[in-house]
Amino acid sequence: MSELRELYQEVIFDHNRRPRNRGPLPGANREARGHNPLCGDRITLRLQVEDGVIREARFEGEGCAISTASASLMTEALRGRPVEEAEALFRRFHALVTGEGQPPGEGPPLGKLEVLAGVRAFPSRVKCATLAWHTLEAALHGGGTVTTE
């Protein structure tokens, strides 16, 4: 089991050191900001949604390793997904990291996102892992700013 934990940690470290999809998104038509006052994480998420499908997702901001890795992994997972599927992915991910029930069996597989399951043992870190996801929800439903408090 420790080999699996080490692999998961390496994926998180890799996405923190070299975040994917970080930077501006010209032509974005959805945007929201998120803030985690407890940790100081801040994110701006921009999406390009066409015909109900997330064509592109990028983020900017600063945060801890978990927050940055979560945003990086999330943006990778969102590309090419219909909005409804992205929302189902959010619900499954949220259930996974909060431990509030099991991730619903139906819907898109979590894939690499499962590396963040370990944060549920550290309640203060759950907010770091879910910040990008709550920001996604805001971006899909009108924008604005969300906070984890």
N, C-alpha and C. Protein backbone atom coordinates (compact mmCIF):
# COMPACT_ATOMS: atom_id res chain seq x y z
N MET A 1 0.82 -1.20 0.00
CA MET A 1 0.00 0.00 0.00
C MET A 1 0.86 1.26 0.00
N SER A 2 2.05 1.21 0.60
CA SER A 2 2.88 2.40 0.65
C SER A 2 3.37 2.80 -0.74
N GLU A 3 3.55 1.83 -1.65
CA GLU A 3 3.95 2.16 -3.01
C GLU A 3 2.87 2.98 -3.70
N LEU A 4 1.62 2.61 -3.46
CA LEU A 4 0.50 3.34 -4.04
C LEU A 4 0.45 4.76 -3.46
N ARG A 5 0.64 4.90 -2.16
CA ARG A 5 0.64 6.22 -1.51
C ARG A 5 1.77 7.07 -2.08
N GLU A 6 2.93 6.47 -2.28
CA GLU A 6 4.06 7.21 -2.86
C GLU A 6 3.76 7.67 -4.28
N LEU A 7 3.10 6.81 -5.06
CA LEU A 7 2.72 7.19 -6.42
C LEU A 7 1.75 8.35 -6.38
N TYR A 8 0.76 8.29 -5.49
CA TYR A 8 -0.21 9.38 -5.37
C TYR A 8 0.48 10.68 -4.99
N GLN A 9 1.40 10.60 -4.04
CA GLN A 9 2.12 11.80 -3.62
C GLN A 9 2.93 12.37 -4.78
N GLU A 10 3.53 11.51 -5.56
CA GLU A 10 4.33 11.98 -6.70
C GLU A 10 3.46 12.70 -7.72
N VAL A 11 2.26 12.19 -7.97
CA VAL A 11 1.35 12.86 -8.91
C VAL A 11 1.00 14.25 -8.39
N ILE A 12 0.71 14.36 -7.10
CA ILE A 12 0.39 15.67 -6.51
C ILE A 12 1.59 16.60 -6.60
N PHE A 13 2.76 16.12 -6.26
CA PHE A 13 3.97 16.95 -6.34
C PHE A 13 4.23 17.40 -7.78
N ASP A 14 4.06 16.49 -8.73
CA ASP A 14 4.29 16.82 -10.13
C ASP A 14 3.34 17.92 -10.60
N HIS A 15 2.06 17.80 -10.26
CA HIS A 15 1.08 18.81 -10.69
C HIS A 15 1.27 20.12 -9.94
N ASN A 16 1.88 20.09 -8.78
CA ASN A 16 2.20 21.33 -8.08
C ASN A 16 3.42 22.00 -8.71
N ARG A 17 4.44 21.21 -8.98
CA ARG A 17 5.68 21.77 -9.56
C ARG A 17 5.49 22.25 -11.00
N ARG A 18 4.69 21.49 -11.76
CA ARG A 18 4.47 21.82 -13.16
C ARG A 18 2.97 21.76 -13.47
N PRO A 19 2.23 22.77 -12.97
CA PRO A 19 0.79 22.74 -13.17
C PRO A 19 0.42 22.80 -14.65
N ARG A 20 -0.53 21.99 -15.01
CA ARG A 20 -1.04 22.00 -16.37
C ARG A 20 -2.13 23.07 -16.47
N ASN A 21 -2.25 23.65 -17.64
CA ASN A 21 -3.33 24.59 -17.93
C ASN A 21 -3.32 25.83 -17.04
N ARG A 22 -2.14 26.25 -16.63
CA ARG A 22 -2.02 27.47 -15.82
C ARG A 22 -1.70 28.62 -16.76
N GLY A 23 -2.47 29.68 -16.64
CA GLY A 23 -2.24 30.87 -17.44
C GLY A 23 -3.54 31.43 -17.98
N PRO A 24 -3.45 32.52 -18.69
CA PRO A 24 -4.66 33.17 -19.21
C PRO A 24 -5.35 32.32 -20.29
N LEU A 25 -6.60 32.63 -20.52
CA LEU A 25 -7.37 31.95 -21.56
C LEU A 25 -8.09 32.99 -22.41
N PRO A 26 -7.44 33.47 -23.47
CA PRO A 26 -8.11 34.39 -24.38
C PRO A 26 -9.35 33.71 -24.96
N GLY A 27 -10.42 34.44 -25.04
CA GLY A 27 -11.64 33.89 -25.60
C GLY A 27 -12.50 33.15 -24.60
N ALA A 28 -12.15 33.20 -23.32
CA ALA A 28 -12.96 32.54 -22.30
C ALA A 28 -14.34 33.19 -22.25
N ASN A 29 -15.36 32.38 -22.06
CA ASN A 29 -16.70 32.93 -21.93
C ASN A 29 -17.34 32.60 -20.58
N ARG A 30 -16.58 32.00 -19.69
CA ARG A 30 -17.01 31.76 -18.31
C ARG A 30 -15.81 32.02 -17.41
N GLU A 31 -16.08 32.63 -16.26
CA GLU A 31 -15.00 32.96 -15.33
C GLU A 31 -15.54 33.07 -13.92
N ALA A 32 -14.73 32.67 -12.96
CA ALA A 32 -15.04 32.84 -11.54
C ALA A 32 -13.74 32.88 -10.76
N ARG A 33 -13.85 33.42 -9.57
CA ARG A 33 -12.70 33.50 -8.67
C ARG A 33 -13.02 32.72 -7.40
N GLY A 34 -11.98 32.15 -6.80
CA GLY A 34 -12.14 31.43 -5.55
C GLY A 34 -11.07 31.82 -4.56
N HIS A 35 -11.42 31.77 -3.28
CA HIS A 35 -10.49 32.15 -2.23
C HIS A 35 -10.68 31.23 -1.02
N ASN A 36 -9.57 30.75 -0.50
CA ASN A 36 -9.56 29.94 0.72
C ASN A 36 -8.82 30.76 1.77
N PRO A 37 -9.55 31.51 2.61
CA PRO A 37 -8.89 32.39 3.59
C PRO A 37 -8.01 31.63 4.58
N LEU A 38 -8.36 30.40 4.91
CA LEU A 38 -7.60 29.63 5.88
C LEU A 38 -6.17 29.38 5.41
N CYS A 39 -6.02 29.06 4.13
CA CYS A 39 -4.71 28.70 3.59
C CYS A 39 -4.11 29.84 2.75
N GLY A 40 -4.96 30.77 2.31
CA GLY A 40 -4.49 31.86 1.47
C GLY A 40 -4.55 31.56 -0.02
N ASP A 41 -5.10 30.41 -0.38
CA ASP A 41 -5.20 30.04 -1.80
C ASP A 41 -6.15 30.99 -2.52
N ARG A 42 -5.76 31.38 -3.73
CA ARG A 42 -6.61 32.20 -4.60
C ARG A 42 -6.53 31.63 -6.01
N ILE A 43 -7.67 31.58 -6.67
CA ILE A 43 -7.71 31.04 -8.03
C ILE A 43 -8.68 31.84 -8.87
N THR A 44 -8.32 32.01 -10.12
CA THR A 44 -9.24 32.50 -11.13
C THR A 44 -9.33 31.40 -12.16
N LEU A 45 -10.53 30.94 -12.42
CA LEU A 45 -10.77 29.87 -13.38
C LEU A 45 -11.50 30.45 -14.58
N ARG A 46 -10.99 30.14 -15.75
CA ARG A 46 -11.63 30.58 -17.00
C ARG A 46 -11.92 29.37 -17.86
N LEU A 47 -13.10 29.40 -18.46
CA LEU A 47 -13.54 28.31 -19.31
C LEU A 47 -13.97 28.84 -20.66
N GLN A 48 -13.81 28.00 -21.65
CA GLN A 48 -14.39 28.26 -22.96
C GLN A 48 -15.40 27.14 -23.17
N VAL A 49 -16.68 27.52 -23.11
CA VAL A 49 -17.77 26.56 -23.26
C VAL A 49 -18.47 26.83 -24.57
N GLU A 50 -18.57 25.80 -25.40
CA GLU A 50 -19.25 25.91 -26.69
C GLU A 50 -20.21 24.75 -26.84
N ASP A 51 -21.44 25.06 -27.19
CA ASP A 51 -22.46 24.03 -27.42
C ASP A 51 -22.58 23.07 -26.24
N GLY A 52 -22.46 23.62 -25.01
CA GLY A 52 -22.62 22.80 -23.82
C GLY A 52 -21.43 21.93 -23.47
N VAL A 53 -20.28 22.15 -24.13
CA VAL A 53 -19.08 21.36 -23.89
C VAL A 53 -17.93 22.28 -23.46
N ILE A 54 -17.20 21.87 -22.45
CA ILE A 54 -16.03 22.62 -22.00
C ILE A 54 -14.89 22.33 -22.96
N ARG A 55 -14.60 23.28 -23.81
CA ARG A 55 -13.54 23.10 -24.80
C ARG A 55 -12.16 23.36 -24.22
N GLU A 56 -12.09 24.31 -23.28
CA GLU A 56 -10.80 24.69 -22.70
C GLU A 56 -11.04 25.15 -21.27
N ALA A 57 -10.08 24.87 -20.39
CA ALA A 57 -10.14 25.29 -18.99
C ALA A 57 -8.73 25.65 -18.56
N ARG A 58 -8.59 26.84 -17.98
CA ARG A 58 -7.28 27.30 -17.51
C ARG A 58 -7.48 28.05 -16.19
N PHE A 59 -6.42 28.05 -15.40
CA PHE A 59 -6.50 28.75 -14.12
C PHE A 59 -5.27 29.60 -13.89
N GLU A 60 -5.45 30.59 -13.05
CA GLU A 60 -4.36 31.43 -12.59
C GLU A 60 -4.52 31.59 -11.09
N GLY A 61 -3.46 31.94 -10.42
CA GLY A 61 -3.53 32.17 -8.99
C GLY A 61 -2.39 31.51 -8.25
N GLU A 62 -2.48 31.61 -6.96
CA GLU A 62 -1.45 31.06 -6.09
C GLU A 62 -2.11 30.22 -5.02
N GLY A 63 -1.43 29.15 -4.65
CA GLY A 63 -1.99 28.31 -3.59
C GLY A 63 -0.99 27.28 -3.13
N CYS A 64 -1.41 26.54 -2.14
CA CYS A 64 -0.58 25.47 -1.61
C CYS A 64 -0.49 24.34 -2.63
N ALA A 65 0.32 23.35 -2.32
CA ALA A 65 0.54 22.23 -3.25
C ALA A 65 -0.76 21.50 -3.58
N ILE A 66 -1.60 21.28 -2.60
CA ILE A 66 -2.84 20.54 -2.84
C ILE A 66 -3.79 21.36 -3.70
N SER A 67 -3.92 22.62 -3.41
CA SER A 67 -4.80 23.49 -4.19
C SER A 67 -4.34 23.58 -5.64
N THR A 68 -3.07 23.77 -5.85
CA THR A 68 -2.52 23.88 -7.20
C THR A 68 -2.66 22.56 -7.95
N ALA A 69 -2.33 21.46 -7.30
CA ALA A 69 -2.45 20.15 -7.94
C ALA A 69 -3.91 19.85 -8.29
N SER A 70 -4.82 20.19 -7.40
CA SER A 70 -6.23 19.94 -7.65
C SER A 70 -6.72 20.74 -8.85
N ALA A 71 -6.33 22.01 -8.94
CA ALA A 71 -6.73 22.84 -10.08
C ALA A 71 -6.14 22.29 -11.38
N SER A 72 -4.89 21.86 -11.33
CA SER A 72 -4.23 21.31 -12.51
C SER A 72 -4.92 20.02 -12.97
N LEU A 73 -5.16 19.12 -12.04
CA LEU A 73 -5.82 17.86 -12.37
C LEU A 73 -7.25 18.10 -12.86
N MET A 74 -7.94 19.04 -12.22
CA MET A 74 -9.32 19.35 -12.62
C MET A 74 -9.37 19.86 -14.05
N THR A 75 -8.51 20.81 -14.39
CA THR A 75 -8.57 21.37 -15.74
C THR A 75 -8.26 20.32 -16.79
N GLU A 76 -7.37 19.40 -16.47
CA GLU A 76 -7.12 18.29 -17.41
C GLU A 76 -8.36 17.43 -17.60
N ALA A 77 -9.05 17.18 -16.49
CA ALA A 77 -10.23 16.30 -16.53
C ALA A 77 -11.43 16.94 -17.22
N LEU A 78 -11.49 18.26 -17.26
CA LEU A 78 -12.67 18.95 -17.79
C LEU A 78 -12.71 19.06 -19.31
N ARG A 79 -11.57 19.15 -19.92
CA ARG A 79 -11.54 19.40 -21.36
C ARG A 79 -12.31 18.36 -22.15
N GLY A 80 -13.20 18.86 -23.01
CA GLY A 80 -13.97 18.00 -23.88
C GLY A 80 -15.20 17.39 -23.23
N ARG A 81 -15.44 17.71 -21.98
CA ARG A 81 -16.61 17.14 -21.28
C ARG A 81 -17.82 18.06 -21.41
N PRO A 82 -18.98 17.47 -21.57
CA PRO A 82 -20.22 18.26 -21.50
C PRO A 82 -20.35 18.86 -20.10
N VAL A 83 -20.98 20.00 -20.00
CA VAL A 83 -21.14 20.68 -18.71
C VAL A 83 -21.81 19.76 -17.69
N GLU A 84 -22.83 19.03 -18.10
CA GLU A 84 -23.52 18.14 -17.17
C GLU A 84 -22.58 17.07 -16.62
N GLU A 85 -21.70 16.57 -17.44
CA GLU A 85 -20.73 15.57 -17.00
C GLU A 85 -19.71 16.19 -16.05
N ALA A 86 -19.32 17.43 -16.31
CA ALA A 86 -18.40 18.13 -15.41
C ALA A 86 -19.03 18.33 -14.04
N GLU A 87 -20.31 18.63 -14.02
CA GLU A 87 -21.01 18.79 -12.75
C GLU A 87 -21.10 17.46 -12.00
N ALA A 88 -21.33 16.38 -12.71
CA ALA A 88 -21.35 15.05 -12.09
C ALA A 88 -19.97 14.69 -11.55
N LEU A 89 -18.92 15.07 -12.26
CA LEU A 89 -17.56 14.84 -11.82
C LEU A 89 -17.29 15.61 -10.52
N PHE A 90 -17.78 16.84 -10.45
CA PHE A 90 -17.65 17.64 -9.23
C PHE A 90 -18.29 16.91 -8.05
N ARG A 91 -19.50 16.40 -8.22
CA ARG A 91 -20.20 15.72 -7.13
C ARG A 91 -19.43 14.47 -6.68
N ARG A 92 -18.91 13.71 -7.63
CA ARG A 92 -18.14 12.50 -7.28
C ARG A 92 -16.85 12.87 -6.56
N PHE A 93 -16.16 13.89 -7.07
CA PHE A 93 -14.91 14.32 -6.45
C PHE A 93 -15.17 14.83 -5.03
N HIS A 94 -16.19 15.64 -4.87
CA HIS A 94 -16.51 16.21 -3.56
C HIS A 94 -16.80 15.10 -2.56
N ALA A 95 -17.58 14.10 -2.96
CA ALA A 95 -17.88 12.97 -2.09
C ALA A 95 -16.60 12.22 -1.73
N LEU A 96 -15.70 12.07 -2.69
CA LEU A 96 -14.44 11.37 -2.45
C LEU A 96 -13.59 12.06 -1.40
N VAL A 97 -13.38 13.36 -1.53
CA VAL A 97 -12.46 14.06 -0.64
C VAL A 97 -13.07 14.45 0.70
N THR A 98 -14.38 14.57 0.76
CA THR A 98 -15.01 14.91 2.04
C THR A 98 -15.34 13.67 2.85
N GLY A 99 -15.43 12.52 2.19
CA GLY A 99 -15.82 11.31 2.89
C GLY A 99 -17.31 11.28 3.19
N GLU A 100 -18.06 12.21 2.63
CA GLU A 100 -19.51 12.27 2.84
C GLU A 100 -20.17 11.31 1.87
N GLY A 101 -20.23 10.06 2.27
CA GLY A 101 -20.78 9.05 1.40
C GLY A 101 -19.74 8.61 0.40
N GLN A 102 -20.06 7.62 -0.35
CA GLN A 102 -19.18 7.13 -1.40
C GLN A 102 -19.44 7.94 -2.66
N PRO A 103 -18.42 8.14 -3.46
CA PRO A 103 -18.66 8.81 -4.74
C PRO A 103 -19.73 8.04 -5.51
N PRO A 104 -20.73 8.75 -6.03
CA PRO A 104 -21.77 8.06 -6.78
C PRO A 104 -21.16 7.15 -7.84
N GLY A 105 -21.70 5.95 -7.97
CA GLY A 105 -21.16 4.97 -8.91
C GLY A 105 -21.39 5.33 -10.36
N GLU A 106 -22.43 6.09 -10.61
CA GLU A 106 -22.71 6.46 -11.99
C GLU A 106 -22.03 7.78 -12.31
N GLY A 107 -21.68 7.93 -13.55
CA GLY A 107 -21.03 9.15 -13.96
C GLY A 107 -19.62 8.89 -14.40
N PRO A 108 -18.92 9.97 -14.70
CA PRO A 108 -17.56 9.83 -15.22
C PRO A 108 -16.61 9.27 -14.17
N PRO A 109 -15.67 8.44 -14.60
CA PRO A 109 -14.67 7.92 -13.66
C PRO A 109 -13.77 9.05 -13.18
N LEU A 110 -13.27 8.93 -11.97
CA LEU A 110 -12.42 9.97 -11.40
C LEU A 110 -11.00 9.93 -11.93
N GLY A 111 -10.52 8.77 -12.30
CA GLY A 111 -9.16 8.66 -12.85
C GLY A 111 -8.12 9.23 -11.91
N LYS A 112 -7.24 10.07 -12.42
CA LYS A 112 -6.15 10.64 -11.64
C LYS A 112 -6.62 11.46 -10.44
N LEU A 113 -7.86 11.94 -10.49
CA LEU A 113 -8.38 12.75 -9.39
C LEU A 113 -8.40 11.98 -8.07
N GLU A 114 -8.39 10.66 -8.16
CA GLU A 114 -8.42 9.83 -6.95
C GLU A 114 -7.17 10.02 -6.09
N VAL A 115 -6.11 10.59 -6.65
CA VAL A 115 -4.90 10.81 -5.85
C VAL A 115 -5.15 11.76 -4.70
N LEU A 116 -6.22 12.54 -4.78
CA LEU A 116 -6.51 13.50 -3.73
C LEU A 116 -7.41 12.95 -2.63
N ALA A 117 -7.75 11.67 -2.71
CA ALA A 117 -8.63 11.05 -1.71
C ALA A 117 -8.06 11.15 -0.30
N GLY A 118 -6.76 11.13 -0.17
CA GLY A 118 -6.13 11.16 1.15
C GLY A 118 -6.38 12.43 1.94
N VAL A 119 -6.80 13.51 1.29
CA VAL A 119 -7.01 14.75 2.03
C VAL A 119 -8.17 14.64 3.00
N ARG A 120 -9.07 13.68 2.80
CA ARG A 120 -10.22 13.57 3.70
C ARG A 120 -9.77 13.29 5.13
N ALA A 121 -8.57 12.77 5.32
CA ALA A 121 -8.04 12.54 6.67
C ALA A 121 -7.58 13.84 7.33
N PHE A 122 -7.53 14.92 6.56
CA PHE A 122 -7.07 16.22 7.05
C PHE A 122 -8.12 17.28 6.69
N PRO A 123 -9.14 17.46 7.55
CA PRO A 123 -10.26 18.34 7.20
C PRO A 123 -9.86 19.74 6.72
N SER A 124 -8.81 20.31 7.27
CA SER A 124 -8.42 21.65 6.83
C SER A 124 -7.90 21.63 5.39
N ARG A 125 -7.41 20.49 4.92
CA ARG A 125 -6.88 20.39 3.55
C ARG A 125 -7.98 20.11 2.53
N VAL A 126 -9.13 19.65 2.99
CA VAL A 126 -10.25 19.41 2.07
C VAL A 126 -10.62 20.70 1.35
N LYS A 127 -10.58 21.82 2.07
CA LYS A 127 -10.90 23.10 1.46
C LYS A 127 -9.90 23.46 0.37
N CYS A 128 -8.66 23.07 0.56
CA CYS A 128 -7.63 23.31 -0.46
C CYS A 128 -7.94 22.51 -1.72
N ALA A 129 -8.31 21.26 -1.53
CA ALA A 129 -8.58 20.36 -2.66
C ALA A 129 -9.86 20.73 -3.41
N THR A 130 -10.83 21.30 -2.71
CA THR A 130 -12.13 21.58 -3.35
C THR A 130 -12.27 23.01 -3.86
N LEU A 131 -11.33 23.88 -3.55
CA LEU A 131 -11.45 25.28 -3.97
C LEU A 131 -11.67 25.42 -5.47
N ALA A 132 -10.83 24.79 -6.27
CA ALA A 132 -10.96 24.90 -7.73
C ALA A 132 -12.32 24.38 -8.19
N TRP A 133 -12.81 23.34 -7.53
CA TRP A 133 -14.08 22.73 -7.92
C TRP A 133 -15.27 23.63 -7.60
N HIS A 134 -15.23 24.28 -6.45
CA HIS A 134 -16.30 25.23 -6.12
C HIS A 134 -16.24 26.43 -7.07
N THR A 135 -15.03 26.79 -7.46
CA THR A 135 -14.87 27.87 -8.43
C THR A 135 -15.43 27.46 -9.78
N LEU A 136 -15.24 26.20 -10.14
CA LEU A 136 -15.84 25.67 -11.37
C LEU A 136 -17.36 25.83 -11.33
N GLU A 137 -17.97 25.43 -10.23
CA GLU A 137 -19.43 25.55 -10.10
C GLU A 137 -19.87 26.99 -10.31
N ALA A 138 -19.13 27.92 -9.71
CA ALA A 138 -19.47 29.34 -9.87
C ALA A 138 -19.33 29.76 -11.32
N ALA A 139 -18.25 29.35 -11.97
CA ALA A 139 -18.02 29.72 -13.37
C ALA A 139 -19.13 29.20 -14.27
N LEU A 140 -19.61 28.00 -13.99
CA LEU A 140 -20.65 27.41 -14.82
C LEU A 140 -22.03 28.03 -14.57
N HIS A 141 -22.17 28.69 -13.41
CA HIS A 141 -23.48 29.23 -13.04
C HIS A 141 -23.46 30.73 -12.80
N GLY A 142 -22.77 31.46 -13.66
CA GLY A 142 -22.87 32.92 -13.60
C GLY A 142 -21.66 33.67 -13.13
N GLY A 143 -20.64 33.00 -12.66
CA GLY A 143 -19.41 33.69 -12.26
C GLY A 143 -19.45 34.17 -10.84
N GLY A 144 -18.63 35.18 -10.55
CA GLY A 144 -18.54 35.72 -9.22
C GLY A 144 -17.35 35.17 -8.47
N THR A 145 -17.41 35.33 -7.16
CA THR A 145 -16.34 34.87 -6.28
C THR A 145 -16.91 33.93 -5.25
N VAL A 146 -16.20 32.83 -5.02
CA VAL A 146 -16.58 31.87 -3.98
C VAL A 146 -15.49 31.82 -2.94
N THR A 147 -15.89 31.45 -1.75
CA THR A 147 -14.94 31.28 -0.66
C THR A 147 -15.20 29.95 0.02
N THR A 148 -14.20 29.40 0.65
CA THR A 148 -14.36 28.12 1.33
C THR A 148 -14.87 28.32 2.76
N GLU A 149 -15.07 29.54 3.18
CA GLU A 149 -15.59 29.81 4.54
C GLU A 149 -17.06 30.04 4.50
